[in-house]
Protein backbone atom coordinates (compact mmCIF):
# COMPACT_ATOMS: atom_id res chain seq x y z
CA MET A 1 18.70 30.09 -6.57
CA ILE A 2 18.07 27.07 -4.33
CA LEU A 3 21.64 27.10 -3.06
CA GLY A 4 21.36 30.78 -2.29
CA VAL A 5 18.20 30.15 -0.30
CA LEU A 6 19.97 27.47 1.72
CA ARG A 7 23.13 29.54 2.22
CA GLU A 8 21.08 32.38 3.72
CA ARG A 9 19.49 30.03 6.25
CA LEU A 10 22.44 27.78 7.11
CA VAL A 11 23.57 28.65 10.63
CA ASP A 12 25.15 25.36 11.73
CA PRO A 13 27.31 23.54 9.13
CA SER A 14 26.19 20.08 10.31
CA SER A 15 23.70 17.57 8.91
CA ARG A 16 21.05 18.72 11.38
CA GLY A 17 21.85 22.36 10.64
CA LEU A 18 21.41 21.80 6.91
CA ALA A 19 18.18 19.88 7.51
CA GLU A 20 16.89 22.78 9.62
CA ALA A 21 17.85 25.25 6.89
CA VAL A 22 15.87 23.29 4.30
CA SER A 23 12.92 22.98 6.68
CA ARG A 24 12.93 26.73 7.29
CA ALA A 25 13.05 27.41 3.56
CA VAL A 26 10.12 25.06 2.98
CA GLY A 27 8.18 26.53 5.88
CA ASP A 28 8.50 30.13 4.71
CA GLY A 29 7.66 29.25 1.11
CA ALA A 30 11.11 29.80 -0.40
CA LEU A 31 11.18 26.13 -1.48
CA PRO A 32 7.64 25.21 -2.55
CA GLY A 33 6.41 21.64 -2.91
CA GLY A 34 7.75 19.94 -6.02
CA THR A 35 11.02 21.89 -6.09
CA LYS A 36 13.82 19.68 -7.41
CA MET A 37 16.82 19.68 -5.11
CA PRO A 38 20.36 19.92 -6.55
CA PRO A 39 22.60 16.82 -6.52
CA VAL A 40 24.29 16.03 -3.21
CA ARG A 41 27.78 16.82 -4.50
CA THR A 42 26.63 20.18 -5.86
CA VAL A 43 25.13 21.13 -2.50
CA ALA A 44 28.26 19.93 -0.70
CA THR A 45 30.60 21.91 -2.95
CA GLU A 46 28.60 25.15 -2.93
CA LEU A 47 27.93 25.11 0.82
CA ARG A 48 31.43 23.83 1.71
CA LEU A 49 30.13 20.69 3.39
CA SER A 50 31.14 17.07 2.99
CA PRO A 51 28.90 14.84 0.81
CA SER A 52 28.33 12.59 3.83
CA THR A 53 26.98 15.59 5.79
CA VAL A 54 24.53 16.43 2.98
CA ASN A 55 23.51 12.78 2.67
CA ALA A 56 22.81 12.61 6.41
CA ALA A 57 20.74 15.82 6.20
CA TRP A 58 18.74 14.41 3.29
CA GLN A 59 18.03 11.26 5.32
CA LEU A 60 16.71 13.35 8.22
CA LEU A 61 14.50 15.32 5.83
CA ARG A 62 13.13 12.16 4.20
CA ARG A 63 12.22 10.72 7.57
CA ALA A 64 10.48 13.96 8.46
CA GLY A 65 8.57 13.90 5.16
CA THR A 66 10.07 17.22 4.02
CA ILE A 67 11.66 15.79 0.87
CA ARG A 68 11.10 12.61 -1.10
CA THR A 69 12.62 10.67 -3.97
CA ASP A 70 10.58 11.08 -7.14
CA GLY A 71 11.96 8.55 -9.61
CA ARG A 72 13.93 10.08 -12.45
CA ARG A 73 13.29 13.59 -11.10
CA GLY A 74 15.56 12.81 -8.18
CA THR A 75 15.00 14.44 -4.79
CA VAL A 76 12.14 16.93 -4.55
CA VAL A 77 10.43 18.94 -1.83
CA ALA A 78 7.33 17.05 -0.73
CA THR A 79 3.94 18.62 -1.38
CA PRO A 80 2.27 19.34 1.98
CA GLY A 81 -0.59 16.98 2.67
CA ALA A 82 0.02 14.87 -0.42
CA GLY A 83 1.81 11.57 -0.11
CA ARG A 84 3.11 9.36 -2.88
CA TYR A 85 -0.27 7.87 -3.68
CA ARG A 86 -2.14 11.14 -4.19
CA ALA A 87 0.82 12.47 -6.15
CA ALA A 88 0.59 9.45 -8.47
CA LEU A 89 -3.09 9.93 -9.22
CA PRO A 90 -4.31 12.17 -12.05
CA ARG A 91 -5.01 15.77 -11.08
CA SER A 92 -8.28 15.75 -13.05
CA ASN A 93 -11.37 13.71 -12.34
CA GLY A 94 -12.82 14.39 -15.77
CA PHE A 95 -11.82 11.04 -17.28
CA GLY A 96 -14.51 9.00 -18.95
CA LEU A 97 -12.79 5.90 -17.54
CA ASP A 98 -10.60 6.50 -14.50
CA LEU A 99 -8.42 3.41 -13.96
CA SER A 100 -6.06 5.11 -11.50
CA THR A 101 -7.91 4.59 -8.24
CA GLY A 102 -7.46 0.93 -7.24
CA VAL A 103 -10.99 0.90 -5.80
CA PRO A 104 -13.66 -1.77 -6.38
CA ASP A 105 -16.54 -1.33 -8.78
CA PRO A 106 -19.45 -0.11 -6.60
CA ARG A 107 -21.87 -2.10 -8.77
CA LEU A 108 -20.18 -5.32 -7.64
CA LEU A 109 -20.44 -4.66 -3.90
CA PRO A 110 -23.00 -6.68 -1.92
CA PRO A 111 -26.12 -4.70 -0.96
CA LEU A 112 -26.21 -3.63 2.67
CA PRO A 113 -28.99 -5.25 4.69
CA ALA A 114 -31.46 -3.09 6.57
CA LEU A 115 -30.22 -2.43 10.09
CA HIS A 116 -33.40 -3.76 11.68
CA GLY A 117 -32.75 -7.08 9.98
CA LEU A 118 -29.23 -7.67 11.21
CA SER A 119 -30.01 -9.47 14.44
CA PRO A 120 -33.36 -9.70 16.23
CA ALA A 121 -31.56 -10.26 19.53
CA PHE A 122 -29.41 -7.13 19.27
CA SER A 123 -30.44 -3.66 20.33
CA PHE A 124 -28.62 -0.87 18.52
CA ALA A 125 -29.00 1.48 21.44
CA PRO A 126 -25.62 2.15 23.11
CA THR A 127 -24.97 -0.41 25.81
CA SER A 128 -21.68 0.00 27.64
CA TYR A 129 -18.17 1.28 27.16
CA LEU A 130 -17.06 -1.93 28.82
CA ASP A 131 -18.50 -4.36 26.27
CA GLU A 132 -16.04 -6.62 24.46
CA PRO A 133 -14.24 -4.68 21.68
CA VAL A 134 -14.90 -7.52 19.20
CA LEU A 135 -18.37 -8.98 18.83
CA PRO A 136 -18.26 -12.59 20.07
CA GLY A 137 -20.12 -13.84 17.00
CA LEU A 138 -17.75 -12.07 14.61
CA ASP A 139 -14.73 -13.26 16.59
CA ALA A 140 -15.92 -16.88 16.37
CA LEU A 141 -16.64 -16.65 12.63
CA LEU A 142 -13.28 -15.09 11.81
CA ARG A 143 -11.40 -17.68 13.83
CA GLU A 144 -13.14 -20.43 11.85
CA ARG A 145 -12.06 -18.79 8.58
CA TRP A 146 -8.53 -17.70 9.56
CA ALA A 147 -5.48 -19.24 7.89
CA TYR A 148 -4.06 -20.37 11.28
CA PRO A 149 -5.26 -20.39 14.92
CA PRO A 150 -4.78 -16.77 16.07
CA GLU A 151 -3.70 -16.08 19.64
CA ARG A 152 -5.33 -12.63 19.62
CA LEU A 153 -7.89 -11.20 17.20
CA ALA A 154 -9.01 -7.57 16.92
CA ILE A 155 -11.03 -5.32 14.62
CA PHE A 156 -9.63 -2.03 13.33
CA ASP A 157 -10.93 0.79 11.15
CA GLY A 158 -9.49 -0.53 7.91
CA ALA A 159 -6.21 -2.15 6.94
CA MET A 160 -4.09 1.01 6.99
CA ASP A 161 -5.45 1.93 10.43
CA ALA A 162 -4.35 -1.48 11.68
CA ILE A 163 -0.94 -1.26 10.01
CA ASP A 164 -0.48 2.26 11.39
CA HIS A 165 -1.09 1.01 14.95
CA VAL A 166 1.20 -1.99 14.50
CA ALA A 167 4.00 -0.08 12.78
CA SER A 168 3.86 2.67 15.40
CA ALA A 169 4.21 0.06 18.14
CA LEU A 170 7.10 -1.73 16.46
CA LEU A 171 9.24 0.96 14.86
CA ARG A 172 11.44 3.68 16.27
CA LEU A 173 13.34 6.42 14.47
CA GLY A 174 16.05 4.87 12.33
CA ASP A 175 14.72 1.28 12.45
CA VAL A 176 14.87 -0.69 9.21
CA ALA A 177 11.60 -1.83 7.63
CA VAL A 178 11.51 -4.21 4.66
CA VAL A 179 8.79 -3.97 2.00
CA GLU A 180 8.05 -5.41 -1.42
CA ASN A 181 9.27 -3.48 -4.44
CA PRO A 182 6.93 -2.29 -5.88
CA CYS A 183 4.42 -1.88 -3.07
CA PHE A 184 1.46 0.21 -1.89
CA PRO A 185 2.53 3.91 -1.68
CA PRO A 186 0.62 4.82 1.53
CA LEU A 187 2.67 2.18 3.35
CA LEU A 188 5.87 3.89 2.21
CA ASP A 189 4.51 7.25 3.33
CA LEU A 190 3.60 5.80 6.73
CA LEU A 191 6.98 4.17 7.29
CA GLU A 192 8.86 7.30 6.32
CA ALA A 193 6.62 9.40 8.59
CA LEU A 194 7.68 7.10 11.44
CA GLY A 195 11.33 7.72 10.57
CA ALA A 196 12.04 4.18 9.38
CA GLN A 197 14.68 3.28 6.83
CA VAL A 198 12.76 1.49 4.07
CA VAL A 199 14.41 -1.36 2.17
CA GLY A 200 12.68 -2.73 -0.92
CA VAL A 201 12.84 -6.38 -2.01
CA ASP A 202 12.20 -7.44 -5.60
CA THR A 203 9.16 -9.52 -6.50
CA ASP A 204 7.98 -11.89 -9.21
CA ALA A 205 4.64 -13.51 -10.09
CA GLU A 206 4.59 -15.23 -6.67
CA GLY A 207 5.47 -12.18 -4.62
CA VAL A 208 8.67 -11.33 -2.79
CA LEU A 209 11.78 -13.34 -3.75
CA PRO A 210 13.15 -15.47 -0.87
CA ASP A 211 16.83 -14.97 -1.72
CA ARG A 212 16.39 -11.20 -1.95
CA LEU A 213 14.50 -11.22 1.33
CA ALA A 214 17.42 -13.06 2.93
CA GLU A 215 19.76 -10.31 1.70
CA ALA A 216 17.49 -7.61 3.13
CA LEU A 217 17.31 -9.38 6.50
CA ALA A 218 21.06 -8.92 6.79
CA ARG A 219 20.22 -5.24 7.37
CA ARG A 220 18.70 -6.31 10.73
CA PRO A 221 15.17 -4.95 10.18
CA THR A 222 12.59 -4.66 12.93
CA ALA A 223 9.69 -5.64 10.68
CA VAL A 224 8.85 -6.94 7.21
CA PHE A 225 5.64 -5.78 5.48
CA LEU A 226 4.24 -8.14 2.84
CA GLN A 227 1.06 -8.74 0.82
CA PRO A 228 0.32 -12.47 0.52
CA ARG A 229 -2.39 -12.16 -2.15
CA ALA A 230 -3.06 -9.77 -5.04
CA LEU A 231 -0.02 -7.59 -4.36
CA ASN A 232 -0.91 -3.97 -5.07
CA PRO A 233 0.14 -3.06 -7.77
CA THR A 234 1.27 -6.23 -9.58
CA GLY A 235 -1.40 -8.76 -8.56
CA ALA A 236 1.15 -11.35 -7.42
CA SER A 237 0.02 -13.99 -4.90
CA TRP A 238 2.06 -16.48 -2.91
CA SER A 239 1.95 -20.15 -3.74
CA PRO A 240 2.17 -22.57 -0.79
CA SER A 241 5.75 -23.36 -1.79
CA ARG A 242 6.68 -19.67 -1.88
CA ALA A 243 5.13 -19.14 1.55
CA GLY A 244 7.16 -22.07 2.87
CA ALA A 245 10.35 -20.67 1.38
CA LEU A 246 9.72 -17.24 2.92
CA ALA A 247 8.99 -18.84 6.28
CA ALA A 248 12.26 -20.76 6.11
CA VAL A 249 14.18 -17.52 5.53
CA LEU A 250 12.37 -15.64 8.31
CA SER A 251 12.72 -18.48 10.81
CA GLU A 252 16.42 -17.60 10.96
CA HIS A 253 15.43 -14.18 12.33
CA PRO A 254 13.00 -14.91 15.18
CA HIS A 255 12.97 -11.31 16.44
CA VAL A 256 11.69 -9.90 13.15
CA TYR A 257 7.92 -9.41 12.88
CA VAL A 258 6.10 -10.05 9.60
CA VAL A 259 3.10 -7.78 8.99
CA GLU A 260 0.87 -9.29 6.29
CA ASP A 261 -1.64 -7.08 4.48
CA ASP A 262 -4.28 -9.28 2.83
CA SER A 263 -5.96 -6.26 1.25
CA ALA A 264 -7.80 -8.22 -1.45
CA GLY A 265 -9.53 -10.29 1.21
CA ASP A 266 -12.53 -12.25 -0.05
CA LEU A 267 -11.96 -11.05 -3.63
CA ALA A 268 -8.76 -13.10 -3.91
CA SER A 269 -9.19 -16.31 -5.87
CA GLY A 270 -6.23 -18.08 -4.30
CA PRO A 271 -6.37 -19.95 -1.01
CA LEU A 272 -5.83 -18.24 2.33
CA CYS A 273 -2.10 -17.90 2.83
CA SER A 274 -0.19 -16.68 5.88
CA LEU A 275 3.24 -17.13 7.35
CA GLY A 276 1.36 -17.51 10.63
CA THR A 277 0.90 -21.13 9.61
CA HIS A 278 4.67 -21.53 10.00
CA LEU A 279 5.66 -18.65 12.30
CA PRO A 280 2.72 -17.69 14.54
CA ARG A 281 4.97 -15.91 17.07
CA GLN A 282 6.33 -13.59 14.38
CA THR A 283 3.24 -12.94 12.28
CA VAL A 284 0.71 -10.12 12.26
CA HIS A 285 -2.03 -10.86 9.72
CA VAL A 286 -4.34 -8.07 8.54
CA ARG A 287 -7.39 -8.97 6.44
CA SER A 288 -9.38 -6.15 4.90
CA PHE A 289 -13.08 -6.20 3.98
CA SER A 290 -13.03 -2.86 2.14
CA LYS A 291 -12.64 -4.11 -1.42
CA SER A 292 -14.98 -7.07 -1.02
CA HIS A 293 -17.78 -5.56 1.09
CA GLY A 294 -17.40 -1.79 0.79
CA PRO A 295 -14.62 0.80 1.26
CA ASP A 296 -16.79 2.90 3.57
CA LEU A 297 -17.15 0.05 6.05
CA ARG A 298 -13.52 0.79 7.04
CA LEU A 299 -13.11 -2.61 8.66
CA ALA A 300 -10.18 -5.00 8.92
CA ALA A 301 -9.50 -7.97 11.20
CA VAL A 302 -6.04 -8.43 12.74
CA SER A 303 -4.37 -11.39 14.39
CA ALA A 304 -1.09 -11.19 16.26
CA PRO A 305 0.77 -12.56 19.26
CA ALA A 306 -0.72 -11.30 22.53
CA THR A 307 2.59 -9.72 23.57
CA LEU A 308 2.32 -7.37 20.59
CA LEU A 309 -1.42 -6.84 20.15
CA ASP A 310 -2.47 -6.43 23.80
CA PRO A 311 -0.41 -3.24 24.40
CA ILE A 312 -1.74 -1.79 21.12
CA LEU A 313 -5.32 -2.42 22.22
CA GLU A 314 -4.63 -0.94 25.66
CA ARG A 315 -3.19 2.19 24.05
CA ARG A 316 -6.18 2.35 21.70
CA LEU A 317 -8.51 2.52 24.70
CA LEU A 318 -7.07 5.96 25.46
CA GLY A 319 -8.28 7.22 22.09
CA GLN A 320 -11.01 5.80 19.88
CA GLY A 321 -11.42 2.79 22.17
CA TRP A 322 -12.84 0.27 19.72
CA THR A 323 -14.26 -0.07 16.24
CA SER A 324 -18.02 0.53 16.07
CA ARG A 325 -19.92 -2.57 17.14
CA LEU A 326 -22.73 -1.45 14.88
CA LEU A 327 -20.38 -1.78 11.89
CA GLN A 328 -19.14 -5.09 13.25
CA HIS A 329 -22.74 -6.37 13.31
CA LEU A 330 -23.12 -5.18 9.75
CA LEU A 331 -19.98 -7.05 8.70
CA LEU A 332 -21.13 -10.18 10.51
CA ALA A 333 -24.42 -10.01 8.62
CA LEU A 334 -22.61 -9.56 5.29
CA LEU A 335 -20.30 -12.51 5.99
CA THR A 336 -23.19 -14.85 6.82
CA ASP A 337 -26.07 -13.67 4.60
CA PRO A 338 -26.46 -16.05 1.60
CA ASP A 339 -27.21 -13.21 -0.83
CA SER A 340 -24.16 -11.25 0.30
CA ILE A 341 -21.95 -14.33 0.06
CA ALA A 342 -23.21 -14.96 -3.47
CA ALA A 343 -22.64 -11.31 -4.44
CA VAL A 344 -19.01 -11.38 -3.26
CA ALA A 345 -18.43 -14.67 -5.09
CA ALA A 346 -19.90 -13.19 -8.27
CA ALA A 347 -17.70 -10.10 -7.91
CA ARG A 348 -14.61 -12.28 -7.45
CA THR A 349 -15.43 -14.14 -10.67
CA GLU A 350 -16.20 -10.93 -12.57
CA TYR A 351 -12.96 -9.22 -11.54
CA ALA A 352 -10.99 -12.27 -12.64
CA ARG A 353 -12.83 -12.22 -15.98
CA ARG A 354 -12.11 -8.54 -16.57
CA ARG A 355 -8.45 -8.98 -15.70
CA HIS A 356 -8.18 -12.00 -18.00
CA LEU A 357 -9.82 -10.24 -20.95
CA VAL A 358 -7.50 -7.24 -20.73
CA SER A 359 -4.39 -9.38 -20.15
CA GLU A 360 -5.34 -11.60 -23.10
CA ALA A 361 -5.77 -8.60 -25.40
CA LEU A 362 -2.43 -7.17 -24.25
CA ALA A 363 -0.72 -10.51 -24.87
CA ALA A 364 -2.07 -10.56 -28.43
CA SER A 365 -0.16 -7.32 -29.00
CA GLY A 366 3.03 -8.64 -27.42
CA ILE A 367 2.67 -7.34 -23.87
CA ILE A 368 2.89 -10.44 -21.70
CA LEU A 369 1.97 -9.88 -18.07
CA PRO A 370 2.85 -12.42 -15.36
CA PRO A 371 -0.04 -14.31 -13.74
CA GLY A 372 -1.86 -12.43 -11.02
CA GLU A 373 -5.18 -11.58 -9.46
CA GLY A 374 -7.04 -8.66 -7.96
CA LEU A 375 -8.17 -5.34 -9.36
CA ASN A 376 -4.92 -4.08 -10.89
CA ILE A 377 -2.30 -4.82 -13.51
CA TRP A 378 1.28 -3.51 -13.58
CA LEU A 379 1.73 -2.28 -17.14
CA PRO A 380 5.29 -1.82 -18.46
CA VAL A 381 5.65 1.34 -20.55
CA ALA A 382 8.39 3.12 -22.46
CA ASP A 383 7.83 6.40 -20.61
CA GLU A 384 5.42 6.98 -17.72
CA GLN A 385 4.46 10.58 -18.39
CA ALA A 386 4.11 9.99 -22.12
CA ALA A 387 1.93 6.95 -21.46
CA LEU A 388 -0.28 8.90 -19.04
CA LEU A 389 -0.75 11.66 -21.60
CA SER A 390 -1.54 9.13 -24.32
CA LEU A 391 -4.25 7.55 -22.15
CA ALA A 392 -5.57 10.95 -21.08
CA SER A 393 -6.08 11.87 -24.73
CA ALA A 394 -8.39 8.83 -24.92
CA GLY A 395 -10.25 9.85 -21.76
CA ILE A 396 -8.56 7.19 -19.60
CA GLY A 397 -6.80 7.77 -16.29
CA ALA A 398 -4.04 5.59 -14.76
CA ALA A 399 -1.60 5.85 -11.85
CA ALA A 400 2.07 6.64 -12.40
CA GLY A 401 4.22 3.70 -11.34
CA THR A 402 7.00 5.82 -9.82
CA ALA A 403 5.09 6.22 -6.55
CA PHE A 404 5.01 2.45 -6.03
CA GLY A 405 8.78 1.96 -6.27
CA VAL A 406 11.37 1.78 -3.51
CA GLY A 407 14.88 3.11 -4.01
CA PRO A 408 16.43 3.88 -7.39
CA ALA A 409 13.99 4.22 -10.27
CA ALA A 410 13.23 0.90 -11.92
CA SER A 411 11.72 0.34 -15.36
CA PRO A 412 8.68 2.60 -15.93
CA HIS A 413 5.19 1.20 -15.31
CA LEU A 414 1.60 2.29 -14.82
CA ARG A 415 -0.82 0.77 -12.35
CA VAL A 416 -4.09 0.21 -14.18
CA THR A 417 -7.26 -0.78 -12.28
CA VAL A 418 -8.66 -3.19 -14.82
CA GLY A 419 -11.30 -4.27 -12.30
CA LEU A 420 -13.20 -1.13 -13.31
CA ILE A 421 -13.34 -2.06 -17.02
CA ALA A 422 -16.87 -3.45 -17.32
CA THR A 423 -17.13 -3.39 -21.13
CA ASP A 424 -15.08 -2.79 -24.28
CA HIS A 425 -12.06 -4.63 -22.90
CA ALA A 426 -10.35 -5.02 -26.29
CA GLU A 427 -10.79 -1.32 -27.07
CA VAL A 428 -9.38 -0.22 -23.72
CA ALA A 429 -6.51 -2.71 -24.10
CA ALA A 430 -5.71 -1.19 -27.49
CA HIS A 431 -5.33 2.20 -25.83
CA LEU A 432 -3.09 0.62 -23.17
CA VAL A 433 -0.92 -0.95 -25.87
CA GLN A 434 -0.57 2.36 -27.67
CA ALA A 435 0.28 4.16 -24.43
CA ALA A 436 2.81 1.52 -23.41
CA GLY A 437 4.84 2.09 -26.54
CA THR A 438 4.54 5.87 -26.60
CA ALA A 439 7.88 7.65 -26.27
CA ALA A 440 8.17 11.03 -24.60
CA ALA A 441 9.38 12.66 -27.82
CA ALA A 442 6.13 11.69 -29.56
CA ILE A 443 4.00 13.77 -27.19
CA PRO A 444 3.52 17.42 -28.20
CA ARG A 445 4.92 19.84 -25.62
């Protein structure tokens, strides 16, 4: 059926012609989202094309977001408006305990101060479009607390907004971008939307492996995207020695930018860590305040070389201009208020406790997780879908690990947001153990 649909629409027997035929079929509803595409050799044989032509067409379609790789399912038609991350999340919100989201516990966020108490010297009436984009007080505070002396510092509307601006400035169609494997699915969606070729690099308990990174750099990438602390989904954080080893590898490629996403921010227990300490001319460091101070603040600070960041900020002036100074004042108050500081510290301790209790209970049943921090654990399972169904039967939601992987399907996992488990850790862990060992054949069809 699928091959017949493509044959009807194939006008030009080239890679672009085939890509256009698939796009037309998707656009007119003949190939709905989720449709599994036939193997490359089958398409080539039936349509009398070479396998290399079909492969090239599939690459064009991936870059356009029309198709995507879905683990063991192979290549499927992408669902409009739904990237990897949303596809990995449960379709139902009726779980008694939804551990799929990766979001902080709202009860552990610092309370927001009243606006009239933020700064007696500041009027919240609009002042001027020409005011400094970053509040001077916030700029000074962040520079004091940065991992290295930043040449330029800016505020964006959240980490992904910042990474979107940076990636759009750096990457062109066909450029190679290196990421951790596994990594955060929205980053993969963004890079593919920009037409980049994404190369995944394996990780361990200290993040990306230096020797594997060196191999990936042989592909001549334009940029490398890394998470220095609490890697989402595994929780891995760099040690100082690992950061030094990564810097040594990257120093051999001075034209490659490193974009660091410190998404855990002030919730990370480990010390501030950035390759900017070693390679300031190559490093873009993004620090988010969403998990620590509130997702709806939508704030992240970014440091980068002036030659990269200044053009981005100039381009930004043609659109949104700057990030709300009102929100910047709110962040400054949260970062300096003693009660807010204490609340974030308490949350950091509580998340670590919750993660430890679940990991300890899993270890008692033979599931040993590598050390890590942050809100999530990366749970190995026998079968992802069977494990998700097992948890769902207990009223627990989790995220399918397939969406976090790069390239060929690796061993199956679930991302579980253990930071949301406030009580009954041993009981929840018991359900996780049962789900981890559940085989697909054991689940009723």
